[in-house]
């Protein structure tokens, strides 16, 4: 079974349809933090990109 049907998750969106949905982040129970890789505190999900 596809885990995306059962678990809470985030999927990337892109202006290029071939790149949308390529990255999937599954959210764990409890608190989830999302931010930059170089943030002062560790993040559960680190975001990166060209800028």
Protein backbone atom coordinates (compact mmCIF):
# COMPACT_ATOMS: atom_id res chain seq x y z
CA UNK A 1 0.00 0.00 0.00
CA UNK A 2 1.15 3.53 -0.76
CA UNK A 3 2.25 5.21 2.48
CA UNK A 4 0.97 8.56 1.17
CA UNK A 5 -2.60 7.26 1.48
CA UNK A 6 -2.17 6.53 5.19
CA UNK A 7 0.28 9.06 6.66
CA UNK A 8 0.33 12.86 6.85
CA UNK A 9 2.86 14.21 4.38
CA UNK A 10 4.08 17.23 2.43
CA UNK A 11 4.83 17.08 -1.30
CA UNK A 12 6.91 19.57 -3.26
CA UNK A 13 5.31 21.71 -5.96
CA UNK A 14 7.18 23.02 -8.96
CA UNK A 15 6.28 25.04 -12.03
CA UNK A 16 7.65 22.12 -14.07
CA UNK A 17 5.09 19.27 -13.80
CA UNK A 18 7.88 16.69 -14.15
CA UNK A 19 9.42 17.93 -10.88
CA UNK A 20 6.23 18.28 -8.83
CA UNK A 21 5.60 15.49 -6.34
CA UNK A 22 9.19 14.23 -6.52
CA UNK A 23 10.05 15.01 -2.88
CA UNK A 24 7.80 13.70 -0.11
CA UNK A 25 8.27 14.53 3.59
CA UNK A 26 6.32 12.38 6.04
CA UNK A 27 5.27 14.19 9.21
CA UNK A 28 5.88 12.33 12.48
CA UNK A 29 3.52 12.43 15.46
CA UNK A 30 4.14 15.34 17.79
CA UNK A 31 5.84 18.59 16.90
CA UNK A 32 7.43 19.02 13.48
CA UNK A 33 9.68 21.97 12.70
CA UNK A 34 10.37 23.10 9.16
CA UNK A 35 13.14 25.48 8.23
CA UNK A 36 16.59 26.11 6.88
CA UNK A 37 19.40 23.62 7.22
CA UNK A 38 21.61 26.30 8.82
CA UNK A 39 18.99 27.41 11.39
CA UNK A 40 20.00 27.96 15.01
CA UNK A 41 17.96 24.94 16.14
CA UNK A 42 17.77 21.57 14.37
CA UNK A 43 14.77 21.18 12.05
CA UNK A 44 12.70 18.05 11.49
CA UNK A 45 12.38 18.95 7.80
CA UNK A 46 15.10 21.08 6.22
CA UNK A 47 14.29 23.18 3.20
CA UNK A 48 16.81 24.12 0.57
CA UNK A 49 16.85 25.61 -2.87
CA UNK A 50 18.59 28.02 -5.13
CA UNK A 51 17.97 31.02 -2.85
